[in-house]
Amino acid sequence: MALQEFAPIGVLILLAIIVALLVNSLSWLLGPFKPTERKSAPYESGMKPIGPGTRRMPVKFYLVAVLFIIFDVEVIFFLPWAVKLRELGVYGLITMGVFLFILTVGFVYEWKKGALEWE
């Protein structure tokens, strides 16, 4: 009985996979494929590329991206809490206060370590 509720989702996923495979197959079969040296060259705003295509990226970029994702995911928890705040009462307010305190401590720690500085 429970699987019948998920049947439309399964049909939709199956249909999406079939359409994706069909479109890719048709474009591969019917599309032109004439590679040239000029088409295979990297493109940088109409100019010849300077230096290698791959270079080392500072860890700072990854650190900022990970911090953004972490804090962004934590902020997502505020919406359900705000919707159910009246039902949760004082317990919900205290629980979210503790959560917000831990979030603030983490933010201040990252700020003091200089992880948010952009140089």
N, C-alpha and C. Protein backbone atom coordinates (compact mmCIF):
# COMPACT_ATOMS: atom_id res chain seq x y z
N MET A 1 0.82 -1.19 0.00
CA MET A 1 0.00 0.00 0.00
C MET A 1 0.87 1.26 0.00
N ALA A 2 1.96 1.25 0.76
CA ALA A 2 2.82 2.44 0.84
C ALA A 2 3.59 2.67 -0.45
N LEU A 3 3.89 1.59 -1.17
CA LEU A 3 4.63 1.74 -2.42
C LEU A 3 3.79 2.40 -3.50
N GLN A 4 2.48 2.25 -3.43
CA GLN A 4 1.60 2.86 -4.43
C GLN A 4 1.65 4.39 -4.35
N GLU A 5 1.94 4.93 -3.18
CA GLU A 5 2.04 6.38 -3.04
C GLU A 5 3.27 6.93 -3.76
N PHE A 6 4.32 6.11 -3.87
CA PHE A 6 5.55 6.54 -4.50
C PHE A 6 5.60 6.18 -5.98
N ALA A 7 4.62 5.52 -6.50
CA ALA A 7 4.61 5.10 -7.90
C ALA A 7 4.70 6.29 -8.86
N PRO A 8 3.96 7.39 -8.66
CA PRO A 8 4.11 8.52 -9.59
C PRO A 8 5.53 9.09 -9.62
N ILE A 9 6.19 9.10 -8.47
CA ILE A 9 7.56 9.60 -8.42
C ILE A 9 8.49 8.66 -9.20
N GLY A 10 8.29 7.36 -9.05
CA GLY A 10 9.08 6.39 -9.79
C GLY A 10 8.87 6.51 -11.29
N VAL A 11 7.62 6.71 -11.69
CA VAL A 11 7.31 6.88 -13.12
C VAL A 11 7.98 8.15 -13.64
N LEU A 12 7.93 9.23 -12.87
CA LEU A 12 8.55 10.48 -13.27
C LEU A 12 10.07 10.33 -13.42
N ILE A 13 10.71 9.66 -12.48
CA ILE A 13 12.16 9.44 -12.56
C ILE A 13 12.50 8.58 -13.78
N LEU A 14 11.73 7.52 -13.99
CA LEU A 14 11.96 6.66 -15.15
C LEU A 14 11.76 7.43 -16.45
N LEU A 15 10.73 8.23 -16.53
CA LEU A 15 10.48 9.03 -17.71
C LEU A 15 11.61 10.03 -17.96
N ALA A 16 12.11 10.65 -16.90
CA ALA A 16 13.21 11.61 -17.04
C ALA A 16 14.47 10.92 -17.56
N ILE A 17 14.76 9.73 -17.06
CA ILE A 17 15.93 8.99 -17.52
C ILE A 17 15.78 8.61 -18.99
N ILE A 18 14.59 8.16 -19.38
CA ILE A 18 14.36 7.77 -20.77
C ILE A 18 14.50 8.98 -21.70
N VAL A 19 13.93 10.12 -21.32
CA VAL A 19 14.03 11.31 -22.16
C VAL A 19 15.48 11.77 -22.27
N ALA A 20 16.22 11.75 -21.16
CA ALA A 20 17.63 12.17 -21.19
C ALA A 20 18.44 11.26 -22.10
N LEU A 21 18.25 9.95 -21.98
CA LEU A 21 18.98 9.02 -22.85
C LEU A 21 18.58 9.20 -24.31
N LEU A 22 17.31 9.42 -24.57
CA LEU A 22 16.84 9.60 -25.93
C LEU A 22 17.42 10.86 -26.56
N VAL A 23 17.40 11.97 -25.84
CA VAL A 23 17.93 13.22 -26.37
C VAL A 23 19.43 13.11 -26.62
N ASN A 24 20.17 12.53 -25.69
CA ASN A 24 21.61 12.37 -25.88
C ASN A 24 21.92 11.45 -27.05
N SER A 25 21.18 10.37 -27.17
CA SER A 25 21.41 9.43 -28.27
C SER A 25 21.12 10.08 -29.62
N LEU A 26 20.01 10.81 -29.71
CA LEU A 26 19.66 11.46 -30.96
C LEU A 26 20.68 12.54 -31.34
N SER A 27 21.13 13.30 -30.38
CA SER A 27 22.12 14.33 -30.70
C SER A 27 23.45 13.71 -31.13
N TRP A 28 23.79 12.57 -30.55
CA TRP A 28 25.03 11.89 -30.93
C TRP A 28 24.90 11.29 -32.33
N LEU A 29 23.74 10.72 -32.63
CA LEU A 29 23.53 10.10 -33.94
C LEU A 29 23.35 11.13 -35.06
N LEU A 30 22.57 12.16 -34.81
CA LEU A 30 22.21 13.10 -35.86
C LEU A 30 23.07 14.36 -35.91
N GLY A 31 23.76 14.64 -34.86
CA GLY A 31 24.55 15.88 -34.79
C GLY A 31 25.84 15.77 -35.57
N PRO A 32 26.35 16.92 -36.06
CA PRO A 32 27.62 16.91 -36.78
C PRO A 32 28.78 16.70 -35.82
N PHE A 33 29.77 15.96 -36.29
CA PHE A 33 30.95 15.72 -35.47
C PHE A 33 32.16 15.90 -36.37
N LYS A 34 32.65 17.13 -36.42
CA LYS A 34 33.81 17.46 -37.25
C LYS A 34 34.82 18.21 -36.40
N PRO A 35 35.57 17.49 -35.57
CA PRO A 35 36.53 18.19 -34.71
C PRO A 35 37.70 18.74 -35.53
N THR A 36 38.11 19.93 -35.17
CA THR A 36 39.30 20.53 -35.77
C THR A 36 40.20 20.99 -34.62
N GLU A 37 41.42 21.35 -34.98
CA GLU A 37 42.36 21.81 -33.95
C GLU A 37 41.86 23.10 -33.32
N ARG A 38 41.25 23.95 -34.14
CA ARG A 38 40.76 25.22 -33.64
C ARG A 38 39.57 25.03 -32.69
N LYS A 39 38.68 24.09 -33.01
CA LYS A 39 37.53 23.82 -32.14
C LYS A 39 37.96 23.19 -30.82
N SER A 40 39.04 22.43 -30.83
CA SER A 40 39.50 21.74 -29.63
C SER A 40 40.34 22.63 -28.72
N ALA A 41 40.74 23.80 -29.21
CA ALA A 41 41.59 24.69 -28.42
C ALA A 41 40.78 25.34 -27.31
N PRO A 42 41.40 25.62 -26.15
CA PRO A 42 40.70 26.32 -25.08
C PRO A 42 40.37 27.75 -25.51
N TYR A 43 39.26 28.26 -25.02
CA TYR A 43 38.78 29.59 -25.41
C TYR A 43 38.81 30.52 -24.21
N GLU A 44 39.49 31.65 -24.38
CA GLU A 44 39.54 32.65 -23.32
C GLU A 44 39.22 34.02 -23.92
N SER A 45 37.99 34.31 -24.12
CA SER A 45 37.52 35.60 -24.61
C SER A 45 38.18 36.00 -25.92
N GLY A 46 38.41 35.05 -26.80
CA GLY A 46 38.97 35.34 -28.10
C GLY A 46 40.48 35.52 -28.11
N MET A 47 41.12 35.36 -26.97
CA MET A 47 42.57 35.52 -26.89
C MET A 47 43.23 34.15 -26.74
N LYS A 48 44.49 34.06 -27.12
CA LYS A 48 45.22 32.82 -26.90
C LYS A 48 45.45 32.66 -25.41
N PRO A 49 45.26 31.44 -24.89
CA PRO A 49 45.43 31.24 -23.44
C PRO A 49 46.87 31.46 -23.00
N ILE A 50 46.99 32.02 -21.81
CA ILE A 50 48.30 32.27 -21.22
C ILE A 50 48.51 31.28 -20.09
N GLY A 51 49.55 30.51 -20.15
CA GLY A 51 49.86 29.56 -19.10
C GLY A 51 49.06 28.28 -19.23
N PRO A 52 49.27 27.35 -18.31
CA PRO A 52 48.58 26.06 -18.38
C PRO A 52 47.09 26.20 -18.05
N GLY A 53 46.32 25.25 -18.52
CA GLY A 53 44.88 25.26 -18.24
C GLY A 53 44.56 24.91 -16.80
N THR A 54 45.42 24.16 -16.17
CA THR A 54 45.22 23.80 -14.76
C THR A 54 46.30 24.48 -13.93
N ARG A 55 45.89 25.08 -12.85
CA ARG A 55 46.85 25.70 -11.94
C ARG A 55 46.38 25.48 -10.51
N ARG A 56 47.28 25.64 -9.62
CA ARG A 56 46.97 25.41 -8.20
C ARG A 56 46.10 26.54 -7.68
N MET A 57 45.05 26.15 -6.99
CA MET A 57 44.15 27.13 -6.39
C MET A 57 44.46 27.19 -4.89
N PRO A 58 44.45 28.38 -4.33
CA PRO A 58 44.67 28.47 -2.89
C PRO A 58 43.56 27.76 -2.11
N VAL A 59 43.92 27.22 -0.98
CA VAL A 59 42.95 26.52 -0.13
C VAL A 59 41.90 27.49 0.38
N LYS A 60 42.21 28.77 0.39
CA LYS A 60 41.29 29.79 0.89
C LYS A 60 39.94 29.74 0.17
N PHE A 61 39.96 29.52 -1.14
CA PHE A 61 38.72 29.46 -1.90
C PHE A 61 37.84 28.31 -1.41
N TYR A 62 38.46 27.15 -1.19
CA TYR A 62 37.71 25.99 -0.73
C TYR A 62 37.21 26.19 0.69
N LEU A 63 38.01 26.82 1.52
CA LEU A 63 37.62 27.06 2.90
C LEU A 63 36.40 27.99 2.96
N VAL A 64 36.42 29.05 2.18
CA VAL A 64 35.29 29.97 2.16
C VAL A 64 34.04 29.26 1.64
N ALA A 65 34.20 28.42 0.61
CA ALA A 65 33.05 27.69 0.05
C ALA A 65 32.46 26.73 1.08
N VAL A 66 33.31 26.00 1.77
CA VAL A 66 32.83 25.05 2.78
C VAL A 66 32.16 25.78 3.94
N LEU A 67 32.74 26.88 4.38
CA LEU A 67 32.13 27.66 5.46
C LEU A 67 30.78 28.20 5.05
N PHE A 68 30.67 28.66 3.80
CA PHE A 68 29.38 29.15 3.32
C PHE A 68 28.34 28.04 3.35
N ILE A 69 28.70 26.87 2.88
CA ILE A 69 27.76 25.75 2.85
C ILE A 69 27.36 25.35 4.26
N ILE A 70 28.32 25.28 5.16
CA ILE A 70 28.02 24.88 6.54
C ILE A 70 27.05 25.88 7.19
N PHE A 71 27.36 27.16 7.12
CA PHE A 71 26.49 28.15 7.75
C PHE A 71 25.16 28.26 7.03
N ASP A 72 25.15 28.06 5.72
CA ASP A 72 23.91 28.12 4.97
C ASP A 72 22.98 26.97 5.36
N VAL A 73 23.53 25.78 5.50
CA VAL A 73 22.72 24.62 5.91
C VAL A 73 22.21 24.81 7.33
N GLU A 74 23.01 25.37 8.19
CA GLU A 74 22.56 25.59 9.56
C GLU A 74 21.44 26.62 9.62
N VAL A 75 21.49 27.62 8.78
CA VAL A 75 20.44 28.65 8.78
C VAL A 75 19.13 28.07 8.26
N ILE A 76 19.18 27.02 7.45
CA ILE A 76 17.96 26.38 6.95
C ILE A 76 17.10 25.87 8.11
N PHE A 77 17.71 25.53 9.22
CA PHE A 77 16.96 25.01 10.36
C PHE A 77 16.07 26.08 11.01
N PHE A 78 16.27 27.35 10.69
CA PHE A 78 15.46 28.40 11.28
C PHE A 78 14.04 28.41 10.74
N LEU A 79 13.83 28.05 9.49
CA LEU A 79 12.50 28.12 8.90
C LEU A 79 11.50 27.17 9.57
N PRO A 80 11.81 25.87 9.71
CA PRO A 80 10.83 25.01 10.40
C PRO A 80 10.60 25.45 11.85
N TRP A 81 11.65 25.93 12.48
CA TRP A 81 11.51 26.39 13.86
C TRP A 81 10.58 27.60 13.92
N ALA A 82 10.72 28.54 12.98
CA ALA A 82 9.87 29.72 12.98
C ALA A 82 8.42 29.37 12.68
N VAL A 83 8.20 28.37 11.85
CA VAL A 83 6.84 27.97 11.51
C VAL A 83 6.15 27.33 12.72
N LYS A 84 6.86 26.53 13.47
CA LYS A 84 6.28 25.79 14.60
C LYS A 84 6.59 26.42 15.96
N LEU A 85 7.00 27.68 15.97
CA LEU A 85 7.43 28.32 17.22
C LEU A 85 6.33 28.32 18.28
N ARG A 86 5.10 28.64 17.91
CA ARG A 86 4.01 28.69 18.90
C ARG A 86 3.74 27.32 19.51
N GLU A 87 3.84 26.27 18.70
CA GLU A 87 3.60 24.91 19.21
C GLU A 87 4.74 24.44 20.10
N LEU A 88 5.96 24.87 19.81
CA LEU A 88 7.12 24.43 20.60
C LEU A 88 7.21 25.12 21.94
N GLY A 89 6.75 26.34 22.01
CA GLY A 89 6.72 27.08 23.27
C GLY A 89 8.10 27.45 23.76
N VAL A 90 8.24 27.48 25.08
CA VAL A 90 9.49 27.90 25.71
C VAL A 90 10.61 26.89 25.43
N TYR A 91 10.26 25.61 25.39
CA TYR A 91 11.27 24.58 25.10
C TYR A 91 11.91 24.82 23.73
N GLY A 92 11.08 25.11 22.73
CA GLY A 92 11.61 25.38 21.39
C GLY A 92 12.46 26.64 21.35
N LEU A 93 12.06 27.65 22.11
CA LEU A 93 12.83 28.89 22.16
C LEU A 93 14.20 28.65 22.80
N ILE A 94 14.23 27.89 23.89
CA ILE A 94 15.51 27.59 24.56
C ILE A 94 16.39 26.73 23.67
N THR A 95 15.79 25.72 23.02
CA THR A 95 16.56 24.84 22.13
C THR A 95 17.18 25.63 20.98
N MET A 96 16.40 26.52 20.37
CA MET A 96 16.94 27.32 19.28
C MET A 96 17.96 28.33 19.80
N GLY A 97 17.79 28.80 21.01
CA GLY A 97 18.79 29.68 21.61
C GLY A 97 20.12 28.98 21.77
N VAL A 98 20.08 27.72 22.22
CA VAL A 98 21.32 26.93 22.36
C VAL A 98 21.94 26.71 20.98
N PHE A 99 21.11 26.37 20.00
CA PHE A 99 21.60 26.16 18.63
C PHE A 99 22.24 27.44 18.09
N LEU A 100 21.57 28.57 18.30
CA LEU A 100 22.09 29.85 17.82
C LEU A 100 23.38 30.22 18.55
N PHE A 101 23.48 29.89 19.82
CA PHE A 101 24.71 30.14 20.57
C PHE A 101 25.87 29.33 20.01
N ILE A 102 25.64 28.05 19.74
CA ILE A 102 26.69 27.19 19.16
C ILE A 102 27.09 27.71 17.78
N LEU A 103 26.11 28.12 16.98
CA LEU A 103 26.37 28.67 15.66
C LEU A 103 27.20 29.95 15.76
N THR A 104 26.87 30.80 16.72
CA THR A 104 27.60 32.05 16.91
C THR A 104 29.02 31.80 17.38
N VAL A 105 29.21 30.83 18.27
CA VAL A 105 30.55 30.49 18.74
C VAL A 105 31.42 30.01 17.56
N GLY A 106 30.84 29.17 16.70
CA GLY A 106 31.58 28.71 15.52
C GLY A 106 31.92 29.85 14.58
N PHE A 107 30.98 30.77 14.39
CA PHE A 107 31.21 31.91 13.52
C PHE A 107 32.31 32.81 14.08
N VAL A 108 32.26 33.09 15.38
CA VAL A 108 33.28 33.94 16.01
C VAL A 108 34.64 33.25 15.94
N TYR A 109 34.69 31.94 16.14
CA TYR A 109 35.95 31.20 16.04
C TYR A 109 36.55 31.34 14.65
N GLU A 110 35.73 31.16 13.61
CA GLU A 110 36.23 31.29 12.24
C GLU A 110 36.67 32.73 11.96
N TRP A 111 35.96 33.68 12.51
CA TRP A 111 36.31 35.08 12.32
C TRP A 111 37.66 35.39 12.96
N LYS A 112 37.86 34.91 14.20
CA LYS A 112 39.11 35.15 14.91
C LYS A 112 40.30 34.43 14.25
N LYS A 113 40.04 33.27 13.66
CA LYS A 113 41.11 32.53 12.98
C LYS A 113 41.48 33.18 11.64
N GLY A 114 40.66 34.11 11.17
CA GLY A 114 40.94 34.80 9.92
C GLY A 114 40.46 34.06 8.69
N ALA A 115 39.58 33.08 8.87
CA ALA A 115 39.10 32.29 7.74
C ALA A 115 38.19 33.10 6.84
N LEU A 116 37.62 34.18 7.34
CA LEU A 116 36.70 34.98 6.54
C LEU A 116 37.39 36.18 5.88
N GLU A 117 38.69 36.35 6.12
CA GLU A 117 39.43 37.46 5.53
C GLU A 117 39.73 37.15 4.07
N TRP A 118 39.51 38.11 3.22
CA TRP A 118 39.78 37.93 1.79
C TRP A 118 40.97 38.81 1.43
N GLU A 119 42.03 38.17 0.96
CA GLU A 119 43.27 38.92 0.67
C GLU A 119 43.52 39.02 -0.80
